Amino acid sequence: MIIVKGTVVGVVDKGEDDKRWAIIGLQTSSKDRDGLDVVQTIKVRVFGDAIKGGLHNAYRQQVGAEVFAPVTIGVNDRYNTVEYLLAGIPLRIQDVGSSSGPKPVESKTA
């Protein structure tokens, strides 16, 4: 399992009845060895118990947000492509403002 950092661009439901599945689009960006930006959209597939449990719906709420998505990687021998399969819920880093959280208690010493 690896963690992919990207922005959720959409969630698409596929299939019908017992053969339902979904695709989560994650847009990733990085730099190549020459320092140029490389932007790629990764299609993460959701099957089986994950789709029955509604795991893809957690990503539907995060469209437009940057997330860290746990995925497993496989190879499709038929089409000679790399496949990404969803492995868990989205992890999201949230900004913590200075006003939130517990405030330190001032000690009274004489």
N, C-alpha and C. Protein backbone atom coordinates (compact mmCIF):
# COMPACT_ATOMS: atom_id res chain seq x y z
N MET A 1 0.85 -1.18 0.00
CA MET A 1 0.00 0.00 0.00
C MET A 1 0.89 1.24 0.00
N ILE A 2 0.47 2.25 -0.76
CA ILE A 2 1.16 3.53 -0.78
C ILE A 2 0.14 4.64 -0.56
N ILE A 3 0.62 5.82 -0.26
CA ILE A 3 -0.24 6.99 -0.08
C ILE A 3 -0.02 7.93 -1.26
N VAL A 4 -1.10 8.30 -1.95
CA VAL A 4 -1.03 9.22 -3.08
C VAL A 4 -1.58 10.57 -2.63
N LYS A 5 -0.78 11.63 -2.81
CA LYS A 5 -1.22 12.98 -2.48
C LYS A 5 -1.78 13.62 -3.74
N GLY A 6 -3.02 14.11 -3.66
CA GLY A 6 -3.62 14.74 -4.82
C GLY A 6 -4.92 15.44 -4.48
N THR A 7 -5.47 16.11 -5.48
CA THR A 7 -6.74 16.81 -5.34
C THR A 7 -7.84 15.95 -5.96
N VAL A 8 -8.92 15.75 -5.22
CA VAL A 8 -10.04 14.96 -5.73
C VAL A 8 -10.76 15.78 -6.79
N VAL A 9 -10.81 15.26 -8.02
CA VAL A 9 -11.47 15.98 -9.11
C VAL A 9 -12.86 15.44 -9.41
N GLY A 10 -13.18 14.26 -8.90
CA GLY A 10 -14.52 13.72 -9.11
C GLY A 10 -14.63 12.27 -8.72
N VAL A 11 -15.88 11.83 -8.53
CA VAL A 11 -16.19 10.44 -8.25
C VAL A 11 -17.28 10.02 -9.22
N VAL A 12 -17.03 8.93 -9.96
CA VAL A 12 -17.97 8.47 -10.98
C VAL A 12 -18.42 7.06 -10.63
N ASP A 13 -19.75 6.87 -10.53
CA ASP A 13 -20.31 5.54 -10.28
C ASP A 13 -20.42 4.79 -11.60
N LYS A 14 -20.08 3.50 -11.57
CA LYS A 14 -20.14 2.65 -12.76
C LYS A 14 -20.89 1.37 -12.42
N GLY A 15 -21.30 0.64 -13.45
CA GLY A 15 -21.95 -0.66 -13.26
C GLY A 15 -23.36 -0.54 -12.74
N GLU A 16 -23.99 -1.71 -12.56
CA GLU A 16 -25.37 -1.77 -12.08
C GLU A 16 -25.54 -2.91 -11.08
N ASP A 17 -26.48 -2.75 -10.19
CA ASP A 17 -26.88 -3.76 -9.21
C ASP A 17 -25.70 -4.40 -8.50
N ASP A 18 -25.50 -5.71 -8.69
CA ASP A 18 -24.44 -6.43 -7.99
C ASP A 18 -23.05 -6.17 -8.54
N LYS A 19 -22.96 -5.61 -9.72
CA LYS A 19 -21.66 -5.36 -10.35
C LYS A 19 -21.31 -3.88 -10.35
N ARG A 20 -21.61 -3.22 -9.23
CA ARG A 20 -21.29 -1.80 -9.11
C ARG A 20 -19.81 -1.61 -8.81
N TRP A 21 -19.28 -0.50 -9.31
CA TRP A 21 -17.93 -0.08 -8.98
C TRP A 21 -17.83 1.42 -9.22
N ALA A 22 -16.74 2.02 -8.84
CA ALA A 22 -16.60 3.48 -8.98
C ALA A 22 -15.17 3.84 -9.32
N ILE A 23 -15.02 5.05 -9.85
CA ILE A 23 -13.70 5.60 -10.14
C ILE A 23 -13.58 6.93 -9.39
N ILE A 24 -12.46 7.10 -8.70
CA ILE A 24 -12.16 8.36 -8.03
C ILE A 24 -11.00 9.00 -8.80
N GLY A 25 -11.20 10.22 -9.26
CA GLY A 25 -10.15 10.92 -10.00
C GLY A 25 -9.31 11.77 -9.05
N LEU A 26 -8.01 11.52 -9.03
CA LEU A 26 -7.08 12.29 -8.21
C LEU A 26 -6.08 12.98 -9.14
N GLN A 27 -5.98 14.29 -9.02
CA GLN A 27 -5.02 15.03 -9.83
C GLN A 27 -3.77 15.27 -8.99
N THR A 28 -2.64 14.75 -9.46
CA THR A 28 -1.39 14.89 -8.75
C THR A 28 -0.45 15.81 -9.52
N SER A 29 0.46 16.43 -8.82
CA SER A 29 1.45 17.27 -9.49
C SER A 29 2.81 17.03 -8.86
N SER A 30 3.82 17.07 -9.69
CA SER A 30 5.20 16.89 -9.24
C SER A 30 6.12 17.61 -10.21
N LYS A 31 7.39 17.49 -10.00
CA LYS A 31 8.36 18.10 -10.90
C LYS A 31 9.26 17.01 -11.47
N ASP A 32 9.60 17.15 -12.75
CA ASP A 32 10.52 16.19 -13.35
C ASP A 32 11.96 16.61 -13.07
N ARG A 33 12.91 15.87 -13.60
CA ARG A 33 14.32 16.15 -13.27
C ARG A 33 14.82 17.48 -13.81
N ASP A 34 14.08 18.06 -14.77
CA ASP A 34 14.45 19.36 -15.31
C ASP A 34 13.75 20.51 -14.59
N GLY A 35 12.93 20.20 -13.59
CA GLY A 35 12.24 21.22 -12.82
C GLY A 35 10.91 21.66 -13.41
N LEU A 36 10.43 20.95 -14.42
CA LEU A 36 9.15 21.29 -15.03
C LEU A 36 8.01 20.59 -14.30
N ASP A 37 6.86 21.26 -14.22
CA ASP A 37 5.70 20.68 -13.56
C ASP A 37 5.12 19.54 -14.38
N VAL A 38 4.79 18.45 -13.69
CA VAL A 38 4.14 17.30 -14.32
C VAL A 38 2.82 17.10 -13.59
N VAL A 39 1.71 17.26 -14.30
CA VAL A 39 0.37 17.09 -13.72
C VAL A 39 -0.25 15.85 -14.33
N GLN A 40 -0.79 14.98 -13.47
CA GLN A 40 -1.36 13.72 -13.93
C GLN A 40 -2.65 13.45 -13.17
N THR A 41 -3.65 12.91 -13.87
CA THR A 41 -4.88 12.48 -13.22
C THR A 41 -4.85 10.96 -13.09
N ILE A 42 -4.96 10.49 -11.86
CA ILE A 42 -4.93 9.06 -11.58
C ILE A 42 -6.36 8.60 -11.34
N LYS A 43 -6.74 7.50 -11.97
CA LYS A 43 -8.06 6.91 -11.77
C LYS A 43 -7.92 5.78 -10.75
N VAL A 44 -8.48 6.00 -9.57
CA VAL A 44 -8.45 5.00 -8.51
C VAL A 44 -9.77 4.25 -8.54
N ARG A 45 -9.70 2.93 -8.65
CA ARG A 45 -10.91 2.11 -8.78
C ARG A 45 -11.36 1.58 -7.41
N VAL A 46 -12.68 1.45 -7.27
CA VAL A 46 -13.27 0.96 -6.03
C VAL A 46 -14.18 -0.21 -6.39
N PHE A 47 -13.95 -1.39 -5.78
CA PHE A 47 -14.72 -2.61 -6.07
C PHE A 47 -15.18 -3.28 -4.79
N GLY A 48 -16.00 -4.29 -4.94
CA GLY A 48 -16.34 -5.25 -3.88
C GLY A 48 -16.92 -4.65 -2.62
N ASP A 49 -16.37 -5.09 -1.48
CA ASP A 49 -16.88 -4.66 -0.18
C ASP A 49 -16.70 -3.16 0.03
N ALA A 50 -15.68 -2.58 -0.57
CA ALA A 50 -15.46 -1.13 -0.43
C ALA A 50 -16.60 -0.35 -1.06
N ILE A 51 -17.09 -0.79 -2.20
CA ILE A 51 -18.20 -0.09 -2.85
C ILE A 51 -19.51 -0.35 -2.10
N LYS A 52 -19.68 -1.56 -1.57
CA LYS A 52 -20.89 -1.88 -0.81
C LYS A 52 -20.94 -1.08 0.48
N GLY A 53 -19.77 -0.83 1.07
CA GLY A 53 -19.70 -0.04 2.30
C GLY A 53 -19.75 1.46 2.07
N GLY A 54 -19.74 1.88 0.81
CA GLY A 54 -19.82 3.31 0.50
C GLY A 54 -18.53 4.07 0.72
N LEU A 55 -17.40 3.38 0.64
CA LEU A 55 -16.11 4.03 0.87
C LEU A 55 -15.86 5.17 -0.12
N HIS A 56 -16.33 5.02 -1.34
CA HIS A 56 -16.12 6.06 -2.35
C HIS A 56 -16.88 7.34 -2.02
N ASN A 57 -17.95 7.25 -1.24
CA ASN A 57 -18.73 8.44 -0.88
C ASN A 57 -17.94 9.39 0.03
N ALA A 58 -16.98 8.85 0.78
CA ALA A 58 -16.12 9.71 1.60
C ALA A 58 -15.29 10.64 0.71
N TYR A 59 -14.93 10.17 -0.47
CA TYR A 59 -14.17 11.00 -1.41
C TYR A 59 -15.07 11.97 -2.15
N ARG A 60 -16.33 11.62 -2.31
CA ARG A 60 -17.28 12.50 -2.99
C ARG A 60 -17.42 13.82 -2.23
N GLN A 61 -17.34 13.77 -0.91
CA GLN A 61 -17.44 14.97 -0.09
C GLN A 61 -16.18 15.82 -0.15
N GLN A 62 -15.08 15.25 -0.64
CA GLN A 62 -13.79 15.95 -0.66
C GLN A 62 -13.43 16.51 -2.04
N VAL A 63 -14.38 16.56 -2.98
CA VAL A 63 -14.08 17.07 -4.32
C VAL A 63 -13.55 18.50 -4.22
N GLY A 64 -12.40 18.73 -4.83
CA GLY A 64 -11.75 20.04 -4.78
C GLY A 64 -10.75 20.18 -3.65
N ALA A 65 -10.72 19.23 -2.74
CA ALA A 65 -9.80 19.30 -1.60
C ALA A 65 -8.59 18.41 -1.84
N GLU A 66 -7.48 18.78 -1.23
CA GLU A 66 -6.28 17.97 -1.31
C GLU A 66 -6.35 16.88 -0.25
N VAL A 67 -6.12 15.64 -0.66
CA VAL A 67 -6.20 14.50 0.26
C VAL A 67 -4.98 13.61 0.09
N PHE A 68 -4.80 12.75 1.05
CA PHE A 68 -3.81 11.69 0.96
C PHE A 68 -4.61 10.38 0.90
N ALA A 69 -4.58 9.72 -0.25
CA ALA A 69 -5.40 8.53 -0.47
C ALA A 69 -4.55 7.27 -0.40
N PRO A 70 -4.90 6.33 0.49
CA PRO A 70 -4.19 5.06 0.52
C PRO A 70 -4.65 4.18 -0.65
N VAL A 71 -3.71 3.70 -1.44
CA VAL A 71 -4.04 2.86 -2.60
C VAL A 71 -3.08 1.68 -2.67
N THR A 72 -3.53 0.64 -3.35
CA THR A 72 -2.64 -0.46 -3.72
C THR A 72 -2.46 -0.40 -5.22
N ILE A 73 -1.31 -0.82 -5.67
CA ILE A 73 -0.99 -0.74 -7.09
C ILE A 73 -0.91 -2.15 -7.65
N GLY A 74 -1.50 -2.32 -8.83
CA GLY A 74 -1.44 -3.59 -9.54
C GLY A 74 -1.17 -3.35 -11.01
N VAL A 75 -0.90 -4.43 -11.71
CA VAL A 75 -0.64 -4.35 -13.15
C VAL A 75 -1.72 -5.12 -13.87
N ASN A 76 -2.33 -4.50 -14.88
CA ASN A 76 -3.31 -5.16 -15.73
C ASN A 76 -2.56 -5.74 -16.91
N ASP A 77 -2.36 -7.07 -16.89
CA ASP A 77 -1.59 -7.73 -17.95
C ASP A 77 -2.30 -7.67 -19.30
N ARG A 78 -3.61 -7.63 -19.27
CA ARG A 78 -4.37 -7.62 -20.53
C ARG A 78 -4.13 -6.33 -21.32
N TYR A 79 -4.15 -5.19 -20.61
CA TYR A 79 -3.99 -3.90 -21.27
C TYR A 79 -2.62 -3.26 -21.04
N ASN A 80 -1.74 -3.96 -20.31
CA ASN A 80 -0.40 -3.46 -20.00
C ASN A 80 -0.44 -2.07 -19.37
N THR A 81 -1.26 -1.93 -18.34
CA THR A 81 -1.39 -0.66 -17.65
C THR A 81 -1.24 -0.86 -16.14
N VAL A 82 -0.98 0.23 -15.45
CA VAL A 82 -0.92 0.22 -13.99
C VAL A 82 -2.31 0.56 -13.47
N GLU A 83 -2.79 -0.19 -12.46
CA GLU A 83 -4.10 0.06 -11.86
C GLU A 83 -3.92 0.47 -10.41
N TYR A 84 -4.72 1.43 -10.00
CA TYR A 84 -4.73 1.89 -8.62
C TYR A 84 -6.05 1.47 -8.00
N LEU A 85 -5.99 0.76 -6.86
CA LEU A 85 -7.19 0.29 -6.16
C LEU A 85 -7.24 0.96 -4.79
N LEU A 86 -8.41 1.46 -4.43
CA LEU A 86 -8.57 2.17 -3.17
C LEU A 86 -8.37 1.23 -1.99
N ALA A 87 -7.62 1.70 -0.98
CA ALA A 87 -7.31 0.87 0.18
C ALA A 87 -7.84 1.44 1.49
N GLY A 88 -8.47 2.63 1.47
CA GLY A 88 -8.97 3.18 2.73
C GLY A 88 -9.57 4.56 2.58
N ILE A 89 -9.92 5.14 3.72
CA ILE A 89 -10.56 6.45 3.74
C ILE A 89 -9.55 7.55 3.43
N PRO A 90 -10.03 8.72 2.98
CA PRO A 90 -9.09 9.81 2.68
C PRO A 90 -8.52 10.43 3.94
N LEU A 91 -7.25 10.76 3.85
CA LEU A 91 -6.59 11.47 4.94
C LEU A 91 -6.44 12.90 4.47
N ARG A 92 -6.83 13.85 5.30
CA ARG A 92 -6.79 15.25 4.88
C ARG A 92 -6.10 16.07 5.94
N ILE A 93 -5.17 16.89 5.52
CA ILE A 93 -4.47 17.79 6.43
C ILE A 93 -5.28 19.08 6.51
N GLN A 94 -5.64 19.49 7.71
CA GLN A 94 -6.41 20.72 7.88
C GLN A 94 -5.54 21.77 8.54
N ASP A 95 -5.73 23.02 8.13
CA ASP A 95 -5.01 24.12 8.74
C ASP A 95 -5.54 24.34 10.15
N VAL A 96 -4.63 24.52 11.08
CA VAL A 96 -5.02 24.77 12.46
C VAL A 96 -4.73 26.23 12.75
N GLY A 97 -5.79 26.98 13.00
CA GLY A 97 -5.63 28.41 13.29
C GLY A 97 -5.12 28.64 14.69
N SER A 98 -4.68 29.86 14.96
CA SER A 98 -4.14 30.17 16.28
C SER A 98 -5.23 30.24 17.34
N SER A 99 -6.49 30.44 16.93
CA SER A 99 -7.56 30.57 17.90
C SER A 99 -8.16 29.22 18.30
N SER A 100 -7.88 28.17 17.55
CA SER A 100 -8.48 26.88 17.87
C SER A 100 -7.54 26.08 18.77
N GLY A 101 -8.11 25.11 19.43
CA GLY A 101 -7.33 24.25 20.29
C GLY A 101 -7.27 24.77 21.71
N PRO A 102 -6.75 23.93 22.61
CA PRO A 102 -6.67 24.35 24.01
C PRO A 102 -5.63 25.45 24.21
N LYS A 103 -5.92 26.33 25.14
CA LYS A 103 -5.00 27.42 25.45
C LYS A 103 -4.19 27.03 26.69
N PRO A 104 -2.92 27.40 26.72
CA PRO A 104 -2.11 27.06 27.89
C PRO A 104 -2.59 27.81 29.13
N VAL A 105 -2.47 27.16 30.25
CA VAL A 105 -2.87 27.76 31.52
C VAL A 105 -1.68 28.51 32.10
N GLU A 106 -1.93 29.75 32.52
CA GLU A 106 -0.86 30.55 33.11
C GLU A 106 -0.64 30.09 34.54
N SER A 107 0.61 29.89 34.87
CA SER A 107 0.91 29.46 36.24
C SER A 107 1.08 30.69 37.13
N LYS A 108 0.61 30.57 38.34
CA LYS A 108 0.71 31.68 39.30
C LYS A 108 1.78 31.33 40.32
N THR A 109 2.94 31.88 40.11
CA THR A 109 4.03 31.65 41.07
C THR A 109 4.44 32.98 41.67
N ALA A 110 4.75 32.96 42.94
CA ALA A 110 5.12 34.20 43.62
C ALA A 110 6.58 34.29 43.86
